[in-house]
Amino acid sequence: GSLRLSCTASGRTFSSYTMGWFRQAPGKDREFVAAINWNDFTYYA
């Protein structure tokens, strides 16, 4: 199946920030999932 996660930011100019998604399963370390920088360049695990 599919899900779409959303992350809404406030407090400062959103466009200047790199945004990332991380995840942590029980008993596991937190790990990187994906990121998108200010210029819309993307990164994926």
PDB file of all heavy atoms in Angstrom:
ATOM      1  N   GLY A   1       0.800  -1.207   0.000  1.00  0.00           N
ATOM      2  CA  GLY A   1       0.000   0.000   0.000  1.00  0.00           C
ATOM      3  C   GLY A   1       0.837   1.262   0.000  1.00  0.00           C
ATOM      4  O   GLY A   1       2.071   1.223  -0.073  1.00  0.00           O
ATOM      5  N   SER A   2       0.150   2.392   0.102  1.00  0.00           N
ATOM      6  CA  SER A   2       0.799   3.694   0.019  1.00  0.00           C
ATOM      7  C   SER A   2       0.359   4.598   1.158  1.00  0.00           C
ATOM      8  O   SER A   2      -0.756   4.483   1.678  1.00  0.00           O
ATOM      9  CB  SER A   2       0.458   4.382  -1.305  1.00  0.00           C
ATOM     10  OG  SER A   2       0.927   3.648  -2.415  1.00  0.00           O
ATOM     11  N   LEU A   3       1.238   5.503   1.522  1.00  0.00           N
ATOM     12  CA  LEU A   3       0.943   6.574   2.453  1.00  0.00           C
ATOM     13  C   LEU A   3       1.667   7.825   1.991  1.00  0.00           C
ATOM     14  O   LEU A   3       2.737   7.731   1.386  1.00  0.00           O
ATOM     15  CB  LEU A   3       1.406   6.246   3.874  1.00  0.00           C
ATOM     16  CG  LEU A   3       0.605   5.258   4.699  1.00  0.00           C
ATOM     17  CD1 LEU A   3       1.361   4.962   6.000  1.00  0.00           C
ATOM     18  CD2 LEU A   3      -0.777   5.805   5.012  1.00  0.00           C
ATOM     19  N   ARG A   4       1.102   8.965   2.297  1.00  0.00           N
ATOM     20  CA  ARG A   4       1.785  10.224   2.073  1.00  0.00           C
ATOM     21  C   ARG A   4       1.923  10.955   3.400  1.00  0.00           C
ATOM     22  O   ARG A   4       0.923  11.322   4.022  1.00  0.00           O
ATOM     23  CB  ARG A   4       1.058  11.118   1.075  1.00  0.00           C
ATOM     24  CG  ARG A   4       1.888  12.350   0.692  1.00  0.00           C
ATOM     25  CD  ARG A   4       1.203  13.257  -0.299  1.00  0.00           C
ATOM     26  NE  ARG A   4       0.116  14.010   0.305  1.00  0.00           N
ATOM     27  CZ  ARG A   4      -0.403  15.115  -0.204  1.00  0.00           C
ATOM     28  NH1 ARG A   4       0.060  15.590  -1.360  1.00  0.00           N
ATOM     29  NH2 ARG A   4      -1.404  15.717   0.404  1.00  0.00           N
ATOM     30  N   LEU A   5       3.153  11.161   3.821  1.00  0.00           N
ATOM     31  CA  LEU A   5       3.436  11.905   5.031  1.00  0.00           C
ATOM     32  C   LEU A   5       3.604  13.377   4.699  1.00  0.00           C
ATOM     33  O   LEU A   5       4.153  13.728   3.654  1.00  0.00           O
ATOM     34  CB  LEU A   5       4.698  11.387   5.706  1.00  0.00           C
ATOM     35  CG  LEU A   5       4.761   9.887   5.992  1.00  0.00           C
ATOM     36  CD1 LEU A   5       6.059   9.559   6.733  1.00  0.00           C
ATOM     37  CD2 LEU A   5       3.552   9.430   6.785  1.00  0.00           C
ATOM     38  N   SER A   6       3.157  14.221   5.600  1.00  0.00           N
ATOM     39  CA  SER A   6       3.298  15.658   5.446  1.00  0.00           C
ATOM     40  C   SER A   6       4.051  16.232   6.631  1.00  0.00           C
ATOM     41  O   SER A   6       3.928  15.743   7.756  1.00  0.00           O
ATOM     42  CB  SER A   6       1.933  16.337   5.344  1.00  0.00           C
ATOM     43  OG  SER A   6       1.211  15.881   4.222  1.00  0.00           O
ATOM     44  N   CYS A   7       4.813  17.273   6.373  1.00  0.00           N
ATOM     45  CA  CYS A   7       5.540  17.985   7.412  1.00  0.00           C
ATOM     46  C   CYS A   7       5.363  19.466   7.170  1.00  0.00           C
ATOM     47  O   CYS A   7       5.854  19.996   6.168  1.00  0.00           O
ATOM     48  CB  CYS A   7       7.019  17.612   7.378  1.00  0.00           C
ATOM     49  SG  CYS A   7       8.063  18.558   8.503  1.00  0.00           S
ATOM     50  N   THR A   8       4.661  20.117   8.064  1.00  0.00           N
ATOM     51  CA  THR A   8       4.407  21.542   7.943  1.00  0.00           C
ATOM     52  C   THR A   8       5.321  22.301   8.891  1.00  0.00           C
ATOM     53  O   THR A   8       5.408  21.972  10.076  1.00  0.00           O
ATOM     54  CB  THR A   8       2.940  21.865   8.245  1.00  0.00           C
ATOM     55  OG1 THR A   8       2.108  21.197   7.296  1.00  0.00           O
ATOM     56  CG2 THR A   8       2.692  23.362   8.147  1.00  0.00           C
ATOM     57  N   ALA A   9       5.997  23.304   8.356  1.00  0.00           N
ATOM     58  CA  ALA A   9       6.970  24.082   9.111  1.00  0.00           C
ATOM     59  C   ALA A   9       6.458  25.484   9.383  1.00  0.00           C
ATOM     60  O   ALA A   9       5.721  26.057   8.584  1.00  0.00           O
ATOM     61  CB  ALA A   9       8.290  24.163   8.352  1.00  0.00           C
ATOM     62  N   SER A  10       6.875  26.022  10.497  1.00  0.00           N
ATOM     63  CA  SER A  10       6.563  27.405  10.831  1.00  0.00           C
ATOM     64  C   SER A  10       7.725  28.001  11.607  1.00  0.00           C
ATOM     65  O   SER A  10       8.565  27.284  12.140  1.00  0.00           O
ATOM     66  CB  SER A  10       5.275  27.504  11.652  1.00  0.00           C
ATOM     67  OG  SER A  10       5.413  26.840  12.900  1.00  0.00           O
ATOM     68  N   GLY A  11       7.763  29.322  11.655  1.00  0.00           N
ATOM     69  CA  GLY A  11       8.759  30.019  12.454  1.00  0.00           C
ATOM     70  C   GLY A  11       9.816  30.776  11.663  1.00  0.00           C
ATOM     71  O   GLY A  11      10.256  31.832  12.103  1.00  0.00           O
ATOM     72  N   ARG A  12      10.222  30.242  10.532  1.00  0.00           N
ATOM     73  CA  ARG A  12      11.193  30.881   9.665  1.00  0.00           C
ATOM     74  C   ARG A  12      10.876  30.553   8.216  1.00  0.00           C
ATOM     75  O   ARG A  12      10.022  29.712   7.943  1.00  0.00           O
ATOM     76  CB  ARG A  12      12.618  30.446  10.011  1.00  0.00           C
ATOM     77  CG  ARG A  12      13.108  30.980  11.346  1.00  0.00           C
ATOM     78  CD  ARG A  12      14.536  30.571  11.634  1.00  0.00           C
ATOM     79  NE  ARG A  12      15.006  31.127  12.892  1.00  0.00           N
ATOM     80  CZ  ARG A  12      16.169  30.866  13.451  1.00  0.00           C
ATOM     81  NH1 ARG A  12      17.015  30.028  12.850  1.00  0.00           N
ATOM     82  NH2 ARG A  12      16.499  31.416  14.609  1.00  0.00           N
ATOM     83  N   THR A  13      11.600  31.207   7.340  1.00  0.00           N
ATOM     84  CA  THR A  13      11.373  31.002   5.913  1.00  0.00           C
ATOM     85  C   THR A  13      11.656  29.559   5.541  1.00  0.00           C
ATOM     86  O   THR A  13      12.779  29.080   5.637  1.00  0.00           O
ATOM     87  CB  THR A  13      12.252  31.941   5.088  1.00  0.00           C
ATOM     88  OG1 THR A  13      11.983  33.292   5.457  1.00  0.00           O
ATOM     89  CG2 THR A  13      11.971  31.763   3.604  1.00  0.00           C
ATOM     90  N   PHE A  14      10.617  28.876   5.091  1.00  0.00           N
ATOM     91  CA  PHE A  14      10.713  27.464   4.795  1.00  0.00           C
ATOM     92  C   PHE A  14      11.639  27.179   3.627  1.00  0.00           C
ATOM     93  O   PHE A  14      12.381  26.195   3.642  1.00  0.00           O
ATOM     94  CB  PHE A  14       9.308  26.926   4.512  1.00  0.00           C
ATOM     95  CG  PHE A  14       9.263  25.491   4.102  1.00  0.00           C
ATOM     96  CD1 PHE A  14       9.341  24.492   5.052  1.00  0.00           C
ATOM     97  CD2 PHE A  14       9.120  25.144   2.772  1.00  0.00           C
ATOM     98  CE1 PHE A  14       9.281  23.162   4.684  1.00  0.00           C
ATOM     99  CE2 PHE A  14       9.061  23.822   2.389  1.00  0.00           C
ATOM    100  CZ  PHE A  14       9.144  22.825   3.351  1.00  0.00           C
ATOM    101  N   SER A  15      11.605  28.021   2.626  1.00  0.00           N
ATOM    102  CA  SER A  15      12.311  27.736   1.385  1.00  0.00           C
ATOM    103  C   SER A  15      13.820  27.686   1.536  1.00  0.00           C
ATOM    104  O   SER A  15      14.503  27.124   0.676  1.00  0.00           O
ATOM    105  CB  SER A  15      11.932  28.758   0.312  1.00  0.00           C
ATOM    106  OG  SER A  15      12.304  30.063   0.704  1.00  0.00           O
ATOM    107  N   SER A  16      14.360  28.257   2.591  1.00  0.00           N
ATOM    108  CA  SER A  16      15.803  28.278   2.784  1.00  0.00           C
ATOM    109  C   SER A  16      16.335  27.023   3.467  1.00  0.00           C
ATOM    110  O   SER A  16      17.552  26.863   3.587  1.00  0.00           O
ATOM    111  CB  SER A  16      16.213  29.506   3.594  1.00  0.00           C
ATOM    112  OG  SER A  16      15.737  29.426   4.921  1.00  0.00           O
ATOM    113  N   TYR A  17      15.469  26.144   3.893  1.00  0.00           N
ATOM    114  CA  TYR A  17      15.864  24.969   4.657  1.00  0.00           C
ATOM    115  C   TYR A  17      15.887  23.711   3.816  1.00  0.00           C
ATOM    116  O   TYR A  17      15.062  23.524   2.921  1.00  0.00           O
ATOM    117  CB  TYR A  17      14.913  24.748   5.840  1.00  0.00           C
ATOM    118  CG  TYR A  17      15.223  25.616   7.023  1.00  0.00           C
ATOM    119  CD1 TYR A  17      14.834  26.947   7.038  1.00  0.00           C
ATOM    120  CD2 TYR A  17      15.911  25.105   8.113  1.00  0.00           C
ATOM    121  CE1 TYR A  17      15.131  27.761   8.119  1.00  0.00           C
ATOM    122  CE2 TYR A  17      16.206  25.903   9.196  1.00  0.00           C
ATOM    123  CZ  TYR A  17      15.810  27.224   9.199  1.00  0.00           C
ATOM    124  OH  TYR A  17      16.100  28.020  10.281  1.00  0.00           O
ATOM    125  N   THR A  18      16.841  22.866   4.133  1.00  0.00           N
ATOM    126  CA  THR A  18      16.802  21.499   3.655  1.00  0.00           C
ATOM    127  C   THR A  18      15.891  20.699   4.587  1.00  0.00           C
ATOM    128  O   THR A  18      15.992  20.809   5.804  1.00  0.00           O
ATOM    129  CB  THR A  18      18.206  20.883   3.635  1.00  0.00           C
ATOM    130  OG1 THR A  18      18.988  21.569   2.653  1.00  0.00           O
ATOM    131  CG2 THR A  18      18.159  19.399   3.300  1.00  0.00           C
ATOM    132  N   MET A  19      15.007  19.927   3.994  1.00  0.00           N
ATOM    133  CA  MET A  19      14.057  19.118   4.752  1.00  0.00           C
ATOM    134  C   MET A  19      14.403  17.649   4.601  1.00  0.00           C
ATOM    135  O   MET A  19      14.716  17.187   3.502  1.00  0.00           O
ATOM    136  CB  MET A  19      12.632  19.356   4.261  1.00  0.00           C
ATOM    137  CG  MET A  19      12.202  20.814   4.263  1.00  0.00           C
ATOM    138  SD  MET A  19      12.177  21.530   5.927  1.00  0.00           S
ATOM    139  CE  MET A  19      10.920  20.510   6.714  1.00  0.00           C
ATOM    140  N   GLY A  20      14.323  16.936   5.691  1.00  0.00           N
ATOM    141  CA  GLY A  20      14.644  15.522   5.661  1.00  0.00           C
ATOM    142  C   GLY A  20      13.610  14.678   6.378  1.00  0.00           C
ATOM    143  O   GLY A  20      12.867  15.168   7.224  1.00  0.00           O
ATOM    144  N   TRP A  21      13.574  13.424   5.994  1.00  0.00           N
ATOM    145  CA  TRP A  21      12.769  12.421   6.680  1.00  0.00           C
ATOM    146  C   TRP A  21      13.691  11.328   7.208  1.00  0.00           C
ATOM    147  O   TRP A  21      14.553  10.828   6.479  1.00  0.00           O
ATOM    148  CB  TRP A  21      11.722  11.798   5.761  1.00  0.00           C
ATOM    149  CG  TRP A  21      10.585  12.708   5.420  1.00  0.00           C
ATOM    150  CD1 TRP A  21      10.445  13.482   4.321  1.00  0.00           C
ATOM    151  CD2 TRP A  21       9.415  12.920   6.217  1.00  0.00           C
ATOM    152  NE1 TRP A  21       9.261  14.168   4.360  1.00  0.00           N
ATOM    153  CE2 TRP A  21       8.607  13.844   5.518  1.00  0.00           C
ATOM    154  CE3 TRP A  21       8.966  12.427   7.448  1.00  0.00           C
ATOM    155  CZ2 TRP A  21       7.377  14.285   6.013  1.00  0.00           C
ATOM    156  CZ3 TRP A  21       7.750  12.868   7.935  1.00  0.00           C
ATOM    157  CH2 TRP A  21       6.971  13.784   7.224  1.00  0.00           C
ATOM    158  N   PHE A  22      13.483  10.973   8.464  1.00  0.00           N
ATOM    159  CA  PHE A  22      14.204   9.895   9.123  1.00  0.00           C
ATOM    160  C   PHE A  22      13.183   8.941   9.719  1.00  0.00           C
ATOM    161  O   PHE A  22      12.010   9.292   9.869  1.00  0.00           O
ATOM    162  CB  PHE A  22      15.116  10.442  10.221  1.00  0.00           C
ATOM    163  CG  PHE A  22      16.236  11.308   9.718  1.00  0.00           C
ATOM    164  CD1 PHE A  22      16.005  12.610   9.295  1.00  0.00           C
ATOM    165  CD2 PHE A  22      17.533  10.829   9.672  1.00  0.00           C
ATOM    166  CE1 PHE A  22      17.024  13.413   8.836  1.00  0.00           C
ATOM    167  CE2 PHE A  22      18.577  11.625   9.216  1.00  0.00           C
ATOM    168  CZ  PHE A  22      18.322  12.906   8.794  1.00  0.00           C
ATOM    169  N   ARG A  23      13.630   7.759  10.074  1.00  0.00           N
ATOM    170  CA  ARG A  23      12.717   6.822  10.709  1.00  0.00           C
ATOM    171  C   ARG A  23      13.452   6.003  11.761  1.00  0.00           C
ATOM    172  O   ARG A  23      14.669   5.840  11.711  1.00  0.00           O
ATOM    173  CB  ARG A  23      12.063   5.893   9.688  1.00  0.00           C
ATOM    174  CG  ARG A  23      13.008   4.874   9.061  1.00  0.00           C
ATOM    175  CD  ARG A  23      12.296   4.089   7.971  1.00  0.00           C
ATOM    176  NE  ARG A  23      13.094   2.972   7.495  1.00  0.00           N
ATOM    177  CZ  ARG A  23      12.746   2.170   6.497  1.00  0.00           C
ATOM    178  NH1 ARG A  23      11.585   2.365   5.873  1.00  0.00           N
ATOM    179  NH2 ARG A  23      13.532   1.171   6.133  1.00  0.00           N
ATOM    180  N   GLN A  24      12.685   5.488  12.709  1.00  0.00           N
ATOM    181  CA  GLN A  24      13.249   4.665  13.762  1.00  0.00           C
ATOM    182  C   GLN A  24      12.272   3.555  14.108  1.00  0.00           C
ATOM    183  O   GLN A  24      11.149   3.816  14.526  1.00  0.00           O
ATOM    184  CB  GLN A  24      13.568   5.492  15.002  1.00  0.00           C
ATOM    185  CG  GLN A  24      14.319   4.722  16.064  1.00  0.00           C
ATOM    186  CD  GLN A  24      14.888   5.623  17.139  1.00  0.00           C
ATOM    187  OE1 GLN A  24      14.405   6.734  17.353  1.00  0.00           O
ATOM    188  NE2 GLN A  24      15.914   5.152  17.813  1.00  0.00           N
ATOM    189  N   ALA A  25      12.713   2.329  13.921  1.00  0.00           N
ATOM    190  CA  ALA A  25      11.934   1.158  14.281  1.00  0.00           C
ATOM    191  C   ALA A  25      12.300   0.730  15.697  1.00  0.00           C
ATOM    192  O   ALA A  25      13.386   1.043  16.190  1.00  0.00           O
ATOM    193  CB  ALA A  25      12.192   0.025  13.296  1.00  0.00           C
ATOM    194  N   PRO A  26      11.415  -0.001  16.370  1.00  0.00           N
ATOM    195  CA  PRO A  26      11.721  -0.452  17.726  1.00  0.00           C
ATOM    196  C   PRO A  26      13.026  -1.229  17.791  1.00  0.00           C
ATOM    197  O   PRO A  26      13.260  -2.140  16.989  1.00  0.00           O
ATOM    198  CB  PRO A  26      10.526  -1.349  18.070  1.00  0.00           C
ATOM    199  CG  PRO A  26       9.410  -0.811  17.235  1.00  0.00           C
ATOM    200  CD  PRO A  26      10.065  -0.394  15.946  1.00  0.00           C
ATOM    201  N   GLY A  27      13.875  -0.856  18.727  1.00  0.00           N
ATOM    202  CA  GLY A  27      15.148  -1.533  18.903  1.00  0.00           C
ATOM    203  C   GLY A  27      16.206  -1.191  17.871  1.00  0.00           C
ATOM    204  O   GLY A  27      17.289  -1.785  17.895  1.00  0.00           O
ATOM    205  N   LYS A  28      15.910  -0.256  16.986  1.00  0.00           N
ATOM    206  CA  LYS A  28      16.839   0.115  15.933  1.00  0.00           C
ATOM    207  C   LYS A  28      17.280   1.570  16.087  1.00  0.00           C
ATOM    208  O   LYS A  28      16.603   2.371  16.725  1.00  0.00           O
ATOM    209  CB  LYS A  28      16.197  -0.060  14.559  1.00  0.00           C
ATOM    210  CG  LYS A  28      15.686  -1.457  14.266  1.00  0.00           C
ATOM    211  CD  LYS A  28      16.823  -2.438  14.072  1.00  0.00           C
ATOM    212  CE  LYS A  28      16.283  -3.788  13.631  1.00  0.00           C
ATOM    213  NZ  LYS A  28      17.388  -4.756  13.393  1.00  0.00           N
ATOM    214  N   ASP A  29      18.408   1.891  15.481  1.00  0.00           N
ATOM    215  CA  ASP A  29      18.853   3.275  15.441  1.00  0.00           C
ATOM    216  C   ASP A  29      18.027   4.065  14.438  1.00  0.00           C
ATOM    217  O   ASP A  29      17.480   3.513  13.482  1.00  0.00           O
ATOM    218  CB  ASP A  29      20.328   3.354  15.041  1.00  0.00           C
ATOM    219  CG  ASP A  29      21.256   2.791  16.081  1.00  0.00           C
ATOM    220  OD1 ASP A  29      20.895   2.802  17.275  1.00  0.00           O
ATOM    221  OD2 ASP A  29      22.356   2.345  15.707  1.00  0.00           O
ATOM    222  N   ARG A  30      17.962   5.355  14.660  1.00  0.00           N
ATOM    223  CA  ARG A  30      17.309   6.212  13.696  1.00  0.00           C
ATOM    224  C   ARG A  30      18.110   6.225  12.394  1.00  0.00           C
ATOM    225  O   ARG A  30      19.341   6.296  12.415  1.00  0.00           O
ATOM    226  CB  ARG A  30      17.177   7.628  14.250  1.00  0.00           C
ATOM    227  CG  ARG A  30      16.366   8.558  13.380  1.00  0.00           C
ATOM    228  CD  ARG A  30      16.120   9.891  14.073  1.00  0.00           C
ATOM    229  NE  ARG A  30      15.335   9.720  15.289  1.00  0.00           N
ATOM    230  CZ  ARG A  30      14.897  10.725  16.040  1.00  0.00           C
ATOM    231  NH1 ARG A  30      15.186  11.974  15.699  1.00  0.00           N
ATOM    232  NH2 ARG A  30      14.199  10.477  17.130  1.00  0.00           N
ATOM    233  N   GLU A  31      17.416   6.156  11.276  1.00  0.00           N
ATOM    234  CA  GLU A  31      18.090   6.112   9.995  1.00  0.00           C
ATOM    235  C   GLU A  31      17.500   7.121   9.023  1.00  0.00           C
ATOM    236  O   GLU A  31      16.320   7.469   9.093  1.00  0.00           O
ATOM    237  CB  GLU A  31      18.045   4.705   9.390  1.00  0.00           C
ATOM    238  CG  GLU A  31      16.658   4.201   9.057  1.00  0.00           C
ATOM    239  CD  GLU A  31      16.669   2.801   8.463  1.00  0.00           C
ATOM    240  OE1 GLU A  31      17.737   2.329   8.023  1.00  0.00           O
ATOM    241  OE2 GLU A  31      15.596   2.165   8.431  1.00  0.00           O
ATOM    242  N   PHE A  32      18.336   7.541   8.115  1.00  0.00           N
ATOM    243  CA  PHE A  32      17.940   8.495   7.098  1.00  0.00           C
ATOM    244  C   PHE A  32      17.056   7.835   6.057  1.00  0.00           C
ATOM    245  O   PHE A  32      17.282   6.691   5.662  1.00  0.00           O
ATOM    246  CB  PHE A  32      19.200   9.062   6.434  1.00  0.00           C
ATOM    247  CG  PHE A  32      18.931   9.907   5.232  1.00  0.00           C
ATOM    248  CD1 PHE A  32      18.475  11.207   5.366  1.00  0.00           C
ATOM    249  CD2 PHE A  32      19.154   9.408   3.960  1.00  0.00           C
ATOM    250  CE1 PHE A  32      18.240  11.995   4.256  1.00  0.00           C
ATOM    251  CE2 PHE A  32      18.925  10.187   2.840  1.00  0.00           C
ATOM    252  CZ  PHE A  32      18.464  11.486   2.995  1.00  0.00           C
ATOM    253  N   VAL A  33      16.051   8.573   5.597  1.00  0.00           N
ATOM    254  CA  VAL A  33      15.157   8.088   4.554  1.00  0.00           C
ATOM    255  C   VAL A  33      15.318   8.907   3.277  1.00  0.00           C
ATOM    256  O   VAL A  33      15.595   8.359   2.208  1.00  0.00           O
ATOM    257  CB  VAL A  33      13.686   8.110   5.007  1.00  0.00           C
ATOM    258  CG1 VAL A  33      12.772   7.654   3.870  1.00  0.00           C
ATOM    259  CG2 VAL A  33      13.491   7.237   6.242  1.00  0.00           C
ATOM    260  N   ALA A  34      15.126  10.211   3.379  1.00  0.00           N
ATOM    261  CA  ALA A  34      15.164  11.071   2.200  1.00  0.00           C
ATOM    262  C   ALA A  34      15.328  12.515   2.629  1.00  0.00           C
ATOM    263  O   ALA A  34      15.019  12.880   3.764  1.00  0.00           O
ATOM    264  CB  ALA A  34      13.886  10.921   1.365  1.00  0.00           C
ATOM    265  N   ALA A  35      15.791  13.353   1.709  1.00  0.00           N
ATOM    266  CA  ALA A  35      15.914  14.781   1.968  1.00  0.00           C
ATOM    267  C   ALA A  35      15.728  15.550   0.676  1.00  0.00           C
ATOM    268  O   ALA A  35      15.920  15.012  -0.422  1.00  0.00           O
ATOM    269  CB  ALA A  35      17.274  15.117   2.587  1.00  0.00           C
ATOM    270  N   ILE A  36      15.362  16.810   0.819  1.00  0.00           N
ATOM    271  CA  ILE A  36      15.254  17.710  -0.321  1.00  0.00           C
ATOM    272  C   ILE A  36      15.801  19.064   0.109  1.00  0.00           C
ATOM    273  O   ILE A  36      15.406  19.596   1.144  1.00  0.00           O
ATOM    274  CB  ILE A  36      13.801  17.797  -0.832  1.00  0.00           C
ATOM    275  CG1 ILE A  36      13.718  18.702  -2.062  1.00  0.00           C
ATOM    276  CG2 ILE A  36      12.841  18.249   0.260  1.00  0.00           C
ATOM    277  CD1 ILE A  36      12.387  18.561  -2.807  1.00  0.00           C
ATOM    278  N   ASN A  37      16.730  19.600  -0.672  1.00  0.00           N
ATOM    279  CA  ASN A  37      17.369  20.833  -0.255  1.00  0.00           C
ATOM    280  C   ASN A  37      16.660  22.056  -0.815  1.00  0.00           C
ATOM    281  O   ASN A  37      15.633  21.958  -1.485  1.00  0.00           O
ATOM    282  CB  ASN A  37      18.867  20.800  -0.577  1.00  0.00           C
ATOM    283  CG  ASN A  37      19.187  21.046  -2.043  1.00  0.00           C
ATOM    284  OD1 ASN A  37      18.320  21.265  -2.882  1.00  0.00           O
ATOM    285  ND2 ASN A  37      20.482  21.016  -2.354  1.00  0.00           N
ATOM    286  N   TRP A  38      17.249  23.214  -0.541  1.00  0.00           N
ATOM    287  CA  TRP A  38      16.620  24.485  -0.914  1.00  0.00           C
ATOM    288  C   TRP A  38      16.450  24.635  -2.415  1.00  0.00           C
ATOM    289  O   TRP A  38      15.596  25.407  -2.865  1.00  0.00           O
ATOM    290  CB  TRP A  38      17.455  25.643  -0.374  1.00  0.00           C
ATOM    291  CG  TRP A  38      18.826  25.715  -0.992  1.00  0.00           C
ATOM    292  CD1 TRP A  38      19.954  25.070  -0.594  1.00  0.00           C
ATOM    293  CD2 TRP A  38      19.195  26.488  -2.140  1.00  0.00           C
ATOM    294  NE1 TRP A  38      21.006  25.383  -1.425  1.00  0.00           N
ATOM    295  CE2 TRP A  38      20.571  26.252  -2.372  1.00  0.00           C
ATOM    296  CE3 TRP A  38      18.505  27.349  -2.984  1.00  0.00           C
ATOM    297  CZ2 TRP A  38      21.256  26.847  -3.425  1.00  0.00           C
ATOM    298  CZ3 TRP A  38      19.193  27.946  -4.030  1.00  0.00           C
ATOM    299  CH2 TRP A  38      20.548  27.693  -4.242  1.00  0.00           C
ATOM    300  N   ASN A  39      17.263  23.929  -3.180  1.00  0.00           N
ATOM    301  CA  ASN A  39      17.209  23.997  -4.635  1.00  0.00           C
ATOM    302  C   ASN A  39      16.491  22.793  -5.245  1.00  0.00           C
ATOM    303  O   ASN A  39      16.631  22.520  -6.430  1.00  0.00           O
ATOM    304  CB  ASN A  39      18.628  24.095  -5.199  1.00  0.00           C
ATOM    305  CG  ASN A  39      18.657  24.682  -6.594  1.00  0.00           C
ATOM    306  OD1 ASN A  39      17.850  25.544  -6.940  1.00  0.00           O
ATOM    307  ND2 ASN A  39      19.596  24.214  -7.408  1.00  0.00           N
ATOM    308  N   ASP A  40      15.754  22.067  -4.416  1.00  0.00           N
ATOM    309  CA  ASP A  40      14.951  20.918  -4.832  1.00  0.00           C
ATOM    310  C   ASP A  40      15.785  19.727  -5.279  1.00  0.00           C
ATOM    311  O   ASP A  40      15.278  18.851  -5.997  1.00  0.00           O
ATOM    312  CB  ASP A  40      13.961  21.302  -5.933  1.00  0.00           C
ATOM    313  CG  ASP A  40      12.868  22.219  -5.444  1.00  0.00           C
ATOM    314  OD1 ASP A  40      12.595  22.228  -4.225  1.00  0.00           O
ATOM    315  OD2 ASP A  40      12.278  22.935  -6.274  1.00  0.00           O
ATOM    316  N   PHE A  41      17.035  19.677  -4.863  1.00  0.00           N
ATOM    317  CA  PHE A  41      17.843  18.491  -5.099  1.00  0.00           C
ATOM    318  C   PHE A  41      17.479  17.448  -4.047  1.00  0.00           C
ATOM    319  O   PHE A  41      17.374  17.771  -2.866  1.00  0.00           O
ATOM    320  CB  PHE A  41      19.332  18.823  -5.012  1.00  0.00           C
ATOM    321  CG  PHE A  41      20.222  17.742  -5.513  1.00  0.00           C
ATOM    322  CD1 PHE A  41      20.582  17.688  -6.847  1.00  0.00           C
ATOM    323  CD2 PHE A  41      20.706  16.760  -4.657  1.00  0.00           C
ATOM    324  CE1 PHE A  41      21.408  16.686  -7.319  1.00  0.00           C
ATOM    325  CE2 PHE A  41      21.530  15.757  -5.124  1.00  0.00           C
ATOM    326  CZ  PHE A  41      21.881  15.723  -6.465  1.00  0.00           C
ATOM    327  N   THR A  42      17.287  16.222  -4.474  1.00  0.00           N
ATOM    328  CA  THR A  42      16.809  15.180  -3.567  1.00  0.00           C
ATOM    329  C   THR A  42      17.873  14.156  -3.252  1.00  0.00           C
ATOM    330  O   THR A  42      18.791  13.907  -4.033  1.00  0.00           O
ATOM    331  CB  THR A  42      15.579  14.471  -4.144  1.00  0.00           C
ATOM    332  OG1 THR A  42      15.895  13.937  -5.433  1.00  0.00           O
ATOM    333  CG2 THR A  42      14.415  15.437  -4.279  1.00  0.00           C
ATOM    334  N   TYR A  43      17.712  13.528  -2.099  1.00  0.00           N
ATOM    335  CA  TYR A  43      18.619  12.509  -1.602  1.00  0.00           C
ATOM    336  C   TYR A  43      17.776  11.361  -1.058  1.00  0.00           C
ATOM    337  O   TYR A  43      16.757  11.592  -0.412  1.00  0.00           O
ATOM    338  CB  TYR A  43      19.488  13.045  -0.457  1.00  0.00           C
ATOM    339  CG  TYR A  43      20.199  14.350  -0.739  1.00  0.00           C
ATOM    340  CD1 TYR A  43      19.510  15.561  -0.711  1.00  0.00           C
ATOM    341  CD2 TYR A  43      21.562  14.370  -1.002  1.00  0.00           C
ATOM    342  CE1 TYR A  43      20.160  16.761  -0.958  1.00  0.00           C
ATOM    343  CE2 TYR A  43      22.223  15.568  -1.249  1.00  0.00           C
ATOM    344  CZ  TYR A  43      21.517  16.762  -1.223  1.00  0.00           C
ATOM    345  OH  TYR A  43      22.175  17.947  -1.464  1.00  0.00           O
ATOM    346  N   TYR A  44      18.212  10.135  -1.298  1.00  0.00           N
ATOM    347  CA  TYR A  44      17.458   8.974  -0.838  1.00  0.00           C
ATOM    348  C   TYR A  44      18.378   7.919  -0.253  1.00  0.00           C
ATOM    349  O   TYR A  44      19.492   7.709  -0.735  1.00  0.00           O
ATOM    350  CB  TYR A  44      16.661   8.341  -1.975  1.00  0.00           C
ATOM    351  CG  TYR A  44      15.555   9.211  -2.508  1.00  0.00           C
ATOM    352  CD1 TYR A  44      15.727   9.963  -3.658  1.00  0.00           C
ATOM    353  CD2 TYR A  44      14.327   9.281  -1.850  1.00  0.00           C
ATOM    354  CE1 TYR A  44      14.714  10.762  -4.149  1.00  0.00           C
ATOM    355  CE2 TYR A  44      13.307  10.083  -2.339  1.00  0.00           C
ATOM    356  CZ  TYR A  44      13.504  10.821  -3.483  1.00  0.00           C
ATOM    357  OH  TYR A  44      12.486  11.613  -3.967  1.00  0.00           O
ATOM    358  N   ALA A  45      17.885   7.245   0.770  1.00  0.00           N
ATOM    359  CA  ALA A  45      18.575   6.077   1.286  1.00  0.00           C
ATOM    360  C   ALA A  45      18.491   4.952   0.272  1.00  0.00           C
ATOM    361  O   ALA A  45      17.554   4.875  -0.527  1.00  0.00           O
ATOM    362  CB  ALA A  45      17.950   5.637   2.608  1.00  0.00           C
TER     363      ALA A  45
END
